[in-house]
PDB file of all heavy atoms in Angstrom:
ATOM      1  N   SER A   1      20.317 -13.232  33.644  1.00  0.00           N
ATOM      2  CA  SER A   1      21.086 -13.906  34.694  1.00  0.00           C
ATOM      3  C   SER A   1      20.361 -15.134  35.234  1.00  0.00           C
ATOM      4  O   SER A   1      20.974 -16.007  35.846  1.00  0.00           O
ATOM      5  CB  SER A   1      21.385 -12.944  35.841  1.00  0.00           C
ATOM      6  OG  SER A   1      20.182 -12.533  36.472  1.00  0.00           O
ATOM      7  N   GLY A   2      19.041 -15.173  35.040  1.00  0.00           N
ATOM      8  CA  GLY A   2      18.259 -16.304  35.522  1.00  0.00           C
ATOM      9  C   GLY A   2      17.971 -16.274  37.014  1.00  0.00           C
ATOM     10  O   GLY A   2      17.586 -17.282  37.594  1.00  0.00           O
ATOM     11  N   VAL A   3      18.124 -15.123  37.638  1.00  0.00           N
ATOM     12  CA  VAL A   3      17.858 -15.012  39.081  1.00  0.00           C
ATOM     13  C   VAL A   3      16.421 -14.566  39.315  1.00  0.00           C
ATOM     14  O   VAL A   3      15.810 -13.943  38.446  1.00  0.00           O
ATOM     15  CB  VAL A   3      18.846 -14.034  39.766  1.00  0.00           C
ATOM     16  CG1 VAL A   3      20.282 -14.502  39.598  1.00  0.00           C
ATOM     17  CG2 VAL A   3      18.686 -12.618  39.242  1.00  0.00           C
ATOM     18  N   PRO A   4      15.867 -14.860  40.487  1.00  0.00           N
ATOM     19  CA  PRO A   4      14.517 -14.376  40.786  1.00  0.00           C
ATOM     20  C   PRO A   4      14.465 -12.846  40.839  1.00  0.00           C
ATOM     21  O   PRO A   4      15.449 -12.197  41.231  1.00  0.00           O
ATOM     22  CB  PRO A   4      14.222 -14.968  42.170  1.00  0.00           C
ATOM     23  CG  PRO A   4      15.155 -16.114  42.312  1.00  0.00           C
ATOM     24  CD  PRO A   4      16.378 -15.736  41.532  1.00  0.00           C
ATOM     25  N   ASN A   5      13.342 -12.299  40.459  1.00  0.00           N
ATOM     26  CA  ASN A   5      13.141 -10.853  40.414  1.00  0.00           C
ATOM     27  C   ASN A   5      13.499 -10.162  41.732  1.00  0.00           C
ATOM     28  O   ASN A   5      14.107  -9.097  41.743  1.00  0.00           O
ATOM     29  CB  ASN A   5      11.686 -10.560  40.033  1.00  0.00           C
ATOM     30  CG  ASN A   5      11.435  -9.117  39.755  1.00  0.00           C
ATOM     31  OD1 ASN A   5      12.179  -8.480  39.018  1.00  0.00           O
ATOM     32  ND2 ASN A   5      10.386  -8.586  40.342  1.00  0.00           N
ATOM     33  N   GLU A   6      13.137 -10.779  42.848  1.00  0.00           N
ATOM     34  CA  GLU A   6      13.360 -10.134  44.151  1.00  0.00           C
ATOM     35  C   GLU A   6      14.835 -10.050  44.552  1.00  0.00           C
ATOM     36  O   GLU A   6      15.175  -9.357  45.502  1.00  0.00           O
ATOM     37  CB  GLU A   6      12.559 -10.834  45.251  1.00  0.00           C
ATOM     38  CG  GLU A   6      12.952 -12.262  45.518  1.00  0.00           C
ATOM     39  CD  GLU A   6      12.213 -13.274  44.651  1.00  0.00           C
ATOM     40  OE1 GLU A   6      11.470 -12.887  43.733  1.00  0.00           O
ATOM     41  OE2 GLU A   6      12.401 -14.471  44.909  1.00  0.00           O
ATOM     42  N   THR A   7      15.722 -10.723  43.819  1.00  0.00           N
ATOM     43  CA  THR A   7      17.141 -10.676  44.179  1.00  0.00           C
ATOM     44  C   THR A   7      17.887  -9.508  43.541  1.00  0.00           C
ATOM     45  O   THR A   7      19.014  -9.223  43.920  1.00  0.00           O
ATOM     46  CB  THR A   7      17.860 -11.987  43.815  1.00  0.00           C
ATOM     47  OG1 THR A   7      17.799 -12.176  42.406  1.00  0.00           O
ATOM     48  CG2 THR A   7      17.261 -13.165  44.550  1.00  0.00           C
ATOM     49  N   ILE A   8      17.269  -8.831  42.579  1.00  0.00           N
ATOM     50  CA  ILE A   8      17.873  -7.640  41.969  1.00  0.00           C
ATOM     51  C   ILE A   8      17.213  -6.412  42.602  1.00  0.00           C
ATOM     52  O   ILE A   8      16.057  -6.116  42.337  1.00  0.00           O
ATOM     53  CB  ILE A   8      17.695  -7.604  40.438  1.00  0.00           C
ATOM     54  CG1 ILE A   8      18.303  -8.834  39.770  1.00  0.00           C
ATOM     55  CG2 ILE A   8      18.273  -6.313  39.858  1.00  0.00           C
ATOM     56  CD1 ILE A   8      19.816  -8.863  39.734  1.00  0.00           C
ATOM     57  N   SER A   9      17.955  -5.740  43.459  1.00  0.00           N
ATOM     58  CA  SER A   9      17.428  -4.561  44.157  1.00  0.00           C
ATOM     59  C   SER A   9      17.833  -3.283  43.441  1.00  0.00           C
ATOM     60  O   SER A   9      18.961  -3.159  42.952  1.00  0.00           O
ATOM     61  CB  SER A   9      17.957  -4.517  45.592  1.00  0.00           C
ATOM     62  OG  SER A   9      17.436  -5.587  46.323  1.00  0.00           O
ATOM     63  N   ILE A  10      16.916  -2.331  43.405  1.00  0.00           N
ATOM     64  CA  ILE A  10      17.195  -1.009  42.840  1.00  0.00           C
ATOM     65  C   ILE A  10      17.843  -0.179  43.949  1.00  0.00           C
ATOM     66  O   ILE A  10      17.223   0.096  44.971  1.00  0.00           O
ATOM     67  CB  ILE A  10      15.912  -0.317  42.367  1.00  0.00           C
ATOM     68  CG1 ILE A  10      15.210  -1.150  41.311  1.00  0.00           C
ATOM     69  CG2 ILE A  10      16.228   1.095  41.857  1.00  0.00           C
ATOM     70  CD1 ILE A  10      13.795  -0.694  41.000  1.00  0.00           C
ATOM     71  N   MET A  11      19.083   0.208  43.738  1.00  0.00           N
ATOM     72  CA  MET A  11      19.766   1.060  44.699  1.00  0.00           C
ATOM     73  C   MET A  11      19.556   2.529  44.325  1.00  0.00           C
ATOM     74  O   MET A  11      19.351   3.359  45.186  1.00  0.00           O
ATOM     75  CB  MET A  11      21.257   0.716  44.761  1.00  0.00           C
ATOM     76  CG  MET A  11      21.529  -0.768  45.052  1.00  0.00           C
ATOM     77  SD  MET A  11      20.651  -1.423  46.477  1.00  0.00           S
ATOM     78  CE  MET A  11      21.597  -0.749  47.783  1.00  0.00           C
ATOM     79  N   SER A  12      19.626   2.822  43.023  1.00  0.00           N
ATOM     80  CA  SER A  12      19.337   4.181  42.546  1.00  0.00           C
ATOM     81  C   SER A  12      19.040   4.140  41.049  1.00  0.00           C
ATOM     82  O   SER A  12      19.557   3.288  40.331  1.00  0.00           O
ATOM     83  CB  SER A  12      20.509   5.130  42.824  1.00  0.00           C
ATOM     84  OG  SER A  12      21.613   4.801  42.015  1.00  0.00           O
ATOM     85  N   GLU A  13      18.195   5.070  40.620  1.00  0.00           N
ATOM     86  CA  GLU A  13      17.893   5.278  39.210  1.00  0.00           C
ATOM     87  C   GLU A  13      17.782   6.777  39.009  1.00  0.00           C
ATOM     88  O   GLU A  13      16.992   7.424  39.684  1.00  0.00           O
ATOM     89  CB  GLU A  13      16.588   4.586  38.815  1.00  0.00           C
ATOM     90  CG  GLU A  13      16.668   3.086  38.866  1.00  0.00           C
ATOM     91  CD  GLU A  13      15.365   2.381  38.547  1.00  0.00           C
ATOM     92  OE1 GLU A  13      14.284   2.957  38.817  1.00  0.00           O
ATOM     93  OE2 GLU A  13      15.439   1.265  38.020  1.00  0.00           O
ATOM     94  N   ASN A  14      18.579   7.333  38.102  1.00  0.00           N
ATOM     95  CA  ASN A  14      18.628   8.769  37.905  1.00  0.00           C
ATOM     96  C   ASN A  14      18.380   9.084  36.432  1.00  0.00           C
ATOM     97  O   ASN A  14      19.269   8.880  35.599  1.00  0.00           O
ATOM     98  CB  ASN A  14      19.985   9.310  38.371  1.00  0.00           C
ATOM     99  CG  ASN A  14      20.038  10.805  38.371  1.00  0.00           C
ATOM    100  OD1 ASN A  14      19.569  11.452  37.440  1.00  0.00           O
ATOM    101  ND2 ASN A  14      20.625  11.366  39.401  1.00  0.00           N
ATOM    102  N   GLU A  15      17.169   9.578  36.134  1.00  0.00           N
ATOM    103  CA  GLU A  15      16.819   9.895  34.746  1.00  0.00           C
ATOM    104  C   GLU A  15      17.663  11.036  34.191  1.00  0.00           C
ATOM    105  O   GLU A  15      18.019  11.029  33.017  1.00  0.00           O
ATOM    106  CB  GLU A  15      15.337  10.240  34.646  1.00  0.00           C
ATOM    107  CG  GLU A  15      14.464   9.024  34.750  1.00  0.00           C
ATOM    108  CD  GLU A  15      13.061   9.269  34.241  1.00  0.00           C
ATOM    109  OE1 GLU A  15      12.897  10.032  33.276  1.00  0.00           O
ATOM    110  OE2 GLU A  15      12.150   8.677  34.833  1.00  0.00           O
ATOM    111  N   GLU A  16      17.972  12.000  35.024  1.00  0.00           N
ATOM    112  CA  GLU A  16      18.751  13.158  34.581  1.00  0.00           C
ATOM    113  C   GLU A  16      20.148  12.738  34.113  1.00  0.00           C
ATOM    114  O   GLU A  16      20.637  13.209  33.090  1.00  0.00           O
ATOM    115  CB  GLU A  16      18.861  14.161  35.733  1.00  0.00           C
ATOM    116  CG  GLU A  16      19.358  15.517  35.311  1.00  0.00           C
ATOM    117  CD  GLU A  16      19.273  16.494  36.465  1.00  0.00           C
ATOM    118  OE1 GLU A  16      18.164  16.745  36.972  1.00  0.00           O
ATOM    119  OE2 GLU A  16      20.344  17.006  36.848  1.00  0.00           O
ATOM    120  N   ASN A  17      20.792  11.849  34.867  1.00  0.00           N
ATOM    121  CA  ASN A  17      22.146  11.394  34.522  1.00  0.00           C
ATOM    122  C   ASN A  17      22.152  10.133  33.663  1.00  0.00           C
ATOM    123  O   ASN A  17      23.228   9.634  33.316  1.00  0.00           O
ATOM    124  CB  ASN A  17      22.956  11.111  35.795  1.00  0.00           C
ATOM    125  CG  ASN A  17      23.230  12.364  36.573  1.00  0.00           C
ATOM    126  OD1 ASN A  17      23.264  13.458  36.021  1.00  0.00           O
ATOM    127  ND2 ASN A  17      23.414  12.218  37.868  1.00  0.00           N
ATOM    128  N   LEU A  18      20.966   9.596  33.360  1.00  0.00           N
ATOM    129  CA  LEU A  18      20.844   8.349  32.607  1.00  0.00           C
ATOM    130  C   LEU A  18      21.697   7.245  33.237  1.00  0.00           C
ATOM    131  O   LEU A  18      22.470   6.553  32.567  1.00  0.00           O
ATOM    132  CB  LEU A  18      21.249   8.543  31.145  1.00  0.00           C
ATOM    133  CG  LEU A  18      20.434   9.544  30.337  1.00  0.00           C
ATOM    134  CD1 LEU A  18      21.002   9.672  28.929  1.00  0.00           C
ATOM    135  CD2 LEU A  18      18.973   9.139  30.279  1.00  0.00           C
ATOM    136  N   SER A  19      21.544   7.079  34.544  1.00  0.00           N
ATOM    137  CA  SER A  19      22.342   6.069  35.239  1.00  0.00           C
ATOM    138  C   SER A  19      21.502   5.366  36.303  1.00  0.00           C
ATOM    139  O   SER A  19      20.517   5.900  36.799  1.00  0.00           O
ATOM    140  CB  SER A  19      23.569   6.712  35.885  1.00  0.00           C
ATOM    141  OG  SER A  19      23.174   7.617  36.886  1.00  0.00           O
ATOM    142  N   ALA A  20      21.942   4.141  36.607  1.00  0.00           N
ATOM    143  CA  ALA A  20      21.259   3.359  37.632  1.00  0.00           C
ATOM    144  C   ALA A  20      22.269   2.449  38.311  1.00  0.00           C
ATOM    145  O   ALA A  20      23.309   2.101  37.733  1.00  0.00           O
ATOM    146  CB  ALA A  20      20.149   2.525  37.008  1.00  0.00           C
ATOM    147  N   PHE A  21      21.950   2.078  39.542  1.00  0.00           N
ATOM    148  CA  PHE A  21      22.783   1.131  40.269  1.00  0.00           C
ATOM    149  C   PHE A  21      21.865   0.075  40.872  1.00  0.00           C
ATOM    150  O   PHE A  21      20.918   0.399  41.583  1.00  0.00           O
ATOM    151  CB  PHE A  21      23.587   1.842  41.370  1.00  0.00           C
ATOM    152  CG  PHE A  21      24.623   0.961  42.003  1.00  0.00           C
ATOM    153  CD1 PHE A  21      25.835   0.742  41.380  1.00  0.00           C
ATOM    154  CD2 PHE A  21      24.377   0.336  43.211  1.00  0.00           C
ATOM    155  CE1 PHE A  21      26.793  -0.077  41.948  1.00  0.00           C
ATOM    156  CE2 PHE A  21      25.326  -0.487  43.798  1.00  0.00           C
ATOM    157  CZ  PHE A  21      26.539  -0.689  43.162  1.00  0.00           C
ATOM    158  N   TYR A  22      22.138  -1.166  40.515  1.00  0.00           N
ATOM    159  CA  TYR A  22      21.363  -2.302  41.007  1.00  0.00           C
ATOM    160  C   TYR A  22      22.297  -3.194  41.817  1.00  0.00           C
ATOM    161  O   TYR A  22      23.515  -3.160  41.642  1.00  0.00           O
ATOM    162  CB  TYR A  22      20.774  -3.104  39.838  1.00  0.00           C
ATOM    163  CG  TYR A  22      19.920  -2.266  38.927  1.00  0.00           C
ATOM    164  CD1 TYR A  22      20.431  -1.713  37.763  1.00  0.00           C
ATOM    165  CD2 TYR A  22      18.594  -2.006  39.248  1.00  0.00           C
ATOM    166  CE1 TYR A  22      19.642  -0.929  36.934  1.00  0.00           C
ATOM    167  CE2 TYR A  22      17.798  -1.212  38.426  1.00  0.00           C
ATOM    168  CZ  TYR A  22      18.331  -0.686  37.275  1.00  0.00           C
ATOM    169  OH  TYR A  22      17.556   0.097  36.456  1.00  0.00           O
ATOM    170  N   ALA A  23      21.715  -3.999  42.681  1.00  0.00           N
ATOM    171  CA  ALA A  23      22.508  -4.954  43.450  1.00  0.00           C
ATOM    172  C   ALA A  23      21.858  -6.325  43.369  1.00  0.00           C
ATOM    173  O   ALA A  23      20.645  -6.453  43.549  1.00  0.00           O
ATOM    174  CB  ALA A  23      22.622  -4.509  44.905  1.00  0.00           C
ATOM    175  N   TYR A  24      22.686  -7.322  43.055  1.00  0.00           N
ATOM    176  CA  TYR A  24      22.224  -8.702  43.144  1.00  0.00           C
ATOM    177  C   TYR A  24      22.522  -9.169  44.564  1.00  0.00           C
ATOM    178  O   TYR A  24      23.673  -9.161  45.005  1.00  0.00           O
ATOM    179  CB  TYR A  24      22.926  -9.616  42.131  1.00  0.00           C
ATOM    180  CG  TYR A  24      22.679 -11.075  42.440  1.00  0.00           C
ATOM    181  CD1 TYR A  24      21.396 -11.611  42.358  1.00  0.00           C
ATOM    182  CD2 TYR A  24      23.698 -11.907  42.856  1.00  0.00           C
ATOM    183  CE1 TYR A  24      21.144 -12.932  42.677  1.00  0.00           C
ATOM    184  CE2 TYR A  24      23.461 -13.229  43.173  1.00  0.00           C
ATOM    185  CZ  TYR A  24      22.190 -13.737  43.082  1.00  0.00           C
ATOM    186  OH  TYR A  24      21.945 -15.053  43.418  1.00  0.00           O
ATOM    187  N   LEU A  25      21.482  -9.537  45.302  1.00  0.00           N
ATOM    188  CA  LEU A  25      21.605  -9.937  46.704  1.00  0.00           C
ATOM    189  C   LEU A  25      21.153 -11.395  46.838  1.00  0.00           C
ATOM    190  O   LEU A  25      19.954 -11.677  46.902  1.00  0.00           O
ATOM    191  CB  LEU A  25      20.749  -9.027  47.585  1.00  0.00           C
ATOM    192  CG  LEU A  25      21.029  -7.525  47.424  1.00  0.00           C
ATOM    193  CD1 LEU A  25      19.996  -6.708  48.174  1.00  0.00           C
ATOM    194  CD2 LEU A  25      22.440  -7.202  47.889  1.00  0.00           C
ATOM    195  N   PRO A  26      22.109 -12.325  46.882  1.00  0.00           N
ATOM    196  CA  PRO A  26      21.735 -13.737  46.924  1.00  0.00           C
ATOM    197  C   PRO A  26      20.919 -14.120  48.150  1.00  0.00           C
ATOM    198  O   PRO A  26      20.119 -15.054  48.097  1.00  0.00           O
ATOM    199  CB  PRO A  26      23.074 -14.478  46.900  1.00  0.00           C
ATOM    200  CG  PRO A  26      24.114 -13.483  47.198  1.00  0.00           C
ATOM    201  CD  PRO A  26      23.542 -12.129  46.875  1.00  0.00           C
ATOM    202  N   ASN A  27      21.051 -13.392  49.253  1.00  0.00           N
ATOM    203  CA  ASN A  27      20.293 -13.742  50.457  1.00  0.00           C
ATOM    204  C   ASN A  27      18.795 -13.467  50.297  1.00  0.00           C
ATOM    205  O   ASN A  27      17.997 -13.933  51.091  1.00  0.00           O
ATOM    206  CB  ASN A  27      20.835 -13.030  51.687  1.00  0.00           C
ATOM    207  CG  ASN A  27      20.744 -11.536  51.595  1.00  0.00           C
ATOM    208  OD1 ASN A  27      20.971 -10.959  50.536  1.00  0.00           O
ATOM    209  ND2 ASN A  27      20.430 -10.881  52.682  1.00  0.00           N
ATOM    210  N   LYS A  28      18.391 -12.750  49.242  1.00  0.00           N
ATOM    211  CA  LYS A  28      16.967 -12.531  48.982  1.00  0.00           C
ATOM    212  C   LYS A  28      16.350 -13.699  48.212  1.00  0.00           C
ATOM    213  O   LYS A  28      15.144 -13.747  48.040  1.00  0.00           O
ATOM    214  CB  LYS A  28      16.754 -11.229  48.211  1.00  0.00           C
ATOM    215  CG  LYS A  28      16.955 -10.006  49.073  1.00  0.00           C
ATOM    216  CD  LYS A  28      16.461  -8.792  48.343  1.00  0.00           C
ATOM    217  CE  LYS A  28      16.383  -7.612  49.280  1.00  0.00           C
ATOM    218  NZ  LYS A  28      15.716  -6.488  48.627  1.00  0.00           N
ATOM    219  N   ASN A  29      17.190 -14.631  47.759  1.00  0.00           N
ATOM    220  CA  ASN A  29      16.701 -15.834  47.107  1.00  0.00           C
ATOM    221  C   ASN A  29      16.529 -16.893  48.185  1.00  0.00           C
ATOM    222  O   ASN A  29      17.459 -17.575  48.559  1.00  0.00           O
ATOM    223  CB  ASN A  29      17.682 -16.307  46.037  1.00  0.00           C
ATOM    224  CG  ASN A  29      17.170 -17.507  45.271  1.00  0.00           C
ATOM    225  OD1 ASN A  29      16.319 -18.247  45.749  1.00  0.00           O
ATOM    226  ND2 ASN A  29      17.698 -17.695  44.077  1.00  0.00           N
ATOM    227  N   LYS A  30      15.325 -16.991  48.704  1.00  0.00           N
ATOM    228  CA  LYS A  30      15.052 -17.859  49.845  1.00  0.00           C
ATOM    229  C   LYS A  30      15.489 -19.298  49.606  1.00  0.00           C
ATOM    230  O   LYS A  30      16.095 -19.913  50.469  1.00  0.00           O
ATOM    231  CB  LYS A  30      13.567 -17.811  50.191  1.00  0.00           C
ATOM    232  CG  LYS A  30      13.190 -18.651  51.386  1.00  0.00           C
ATOM    233  CD  LYS A  30      11.739 -18.495  51.737  1.00  0.00           C
ATOM    234  CE  LYS A  30      11.256 -19.335  52.869  1.00  0.00           C
ATOM    235  NZ  LYS A  30      12.129 -20.096  53.638  1.00  0.00           N
ATOM    236  N   TYR A  31      15.216 -19.837  48.440  1.00  0.00           N
ATOM    237  CA  TYR A  31      15.533 -21.240  48.181  1.00  0.00           C
ATOM    238  C   TYR A  31      17.037 -21.467  48.085  1.00  0.00           C
ATOM    239  O   TYR A  31      17.570 -22.379  48.690  1.00  0.00           O
ATOM    240  CB  TYR A  31      14.819 -21.720  46.921  1.00  0.00           C
ATOM    241  CG  TYR A  31      13.325 -21.590  47.057  1.00  0.00           C
ATOM    242  CD1 TYR A  31      12.627 -20.590  46.395  1.00  0.00           C
ATOM    243  CD2 TYR A  31      12.620 -22.430  47.913  1.00  0.00           C
ATOM    244  CE1 TYR A  31      11.260 -20.447  46.556  1.00  0.00           C
ATOM    245  CE2 TYR A  31      11.251 -22.294  48.076  1.00  0.00           C
ATOM    246  CZ  TYR A  31      10.587 -21.304  47.399  1.00  0.00           C
ATOM    247  OH  TYR A  31       9.233 -21.161  47.564  1.00  0.00           O
ATOM    248  N   LEU A  32      17.727 -20.635  47.337  1.00  0.00           N
ATOM    249  CA  LEU A  32      19.180 -20.756  47.212  1.00  0.00           C
ATOM    250  C   LEU A  32      19.857 -20.542  48.550  1.00  0.00           C
ATOM    251  O   LEU A  32      20.706 -21.314  48.962  1.00  0.00           O
ATOM    252  CB  LEU A  32      19.704 -19.737  46.190  1.00  0.00           C
ATOM    253  CG  LEU A  32      21.219 -19.646  46.044  1.00  0.00           C
ATOM    254  CD1 LEU A  32      21.740 -20.923  45.404  1.00  0.00           C
ATOM    255  CD2 LEU A  32      21.586 -18.445  45.199  1.00  0.00           C
TER     256      LEU A  32
END
């Protein structure tokens, strides 16, 4: 996506269910 690392937040990661939920939060990109 070309976004800074800090803008992709881990909301959940579940090894048992092999699932994850991430959020792209533009307000964490200070410059943008």
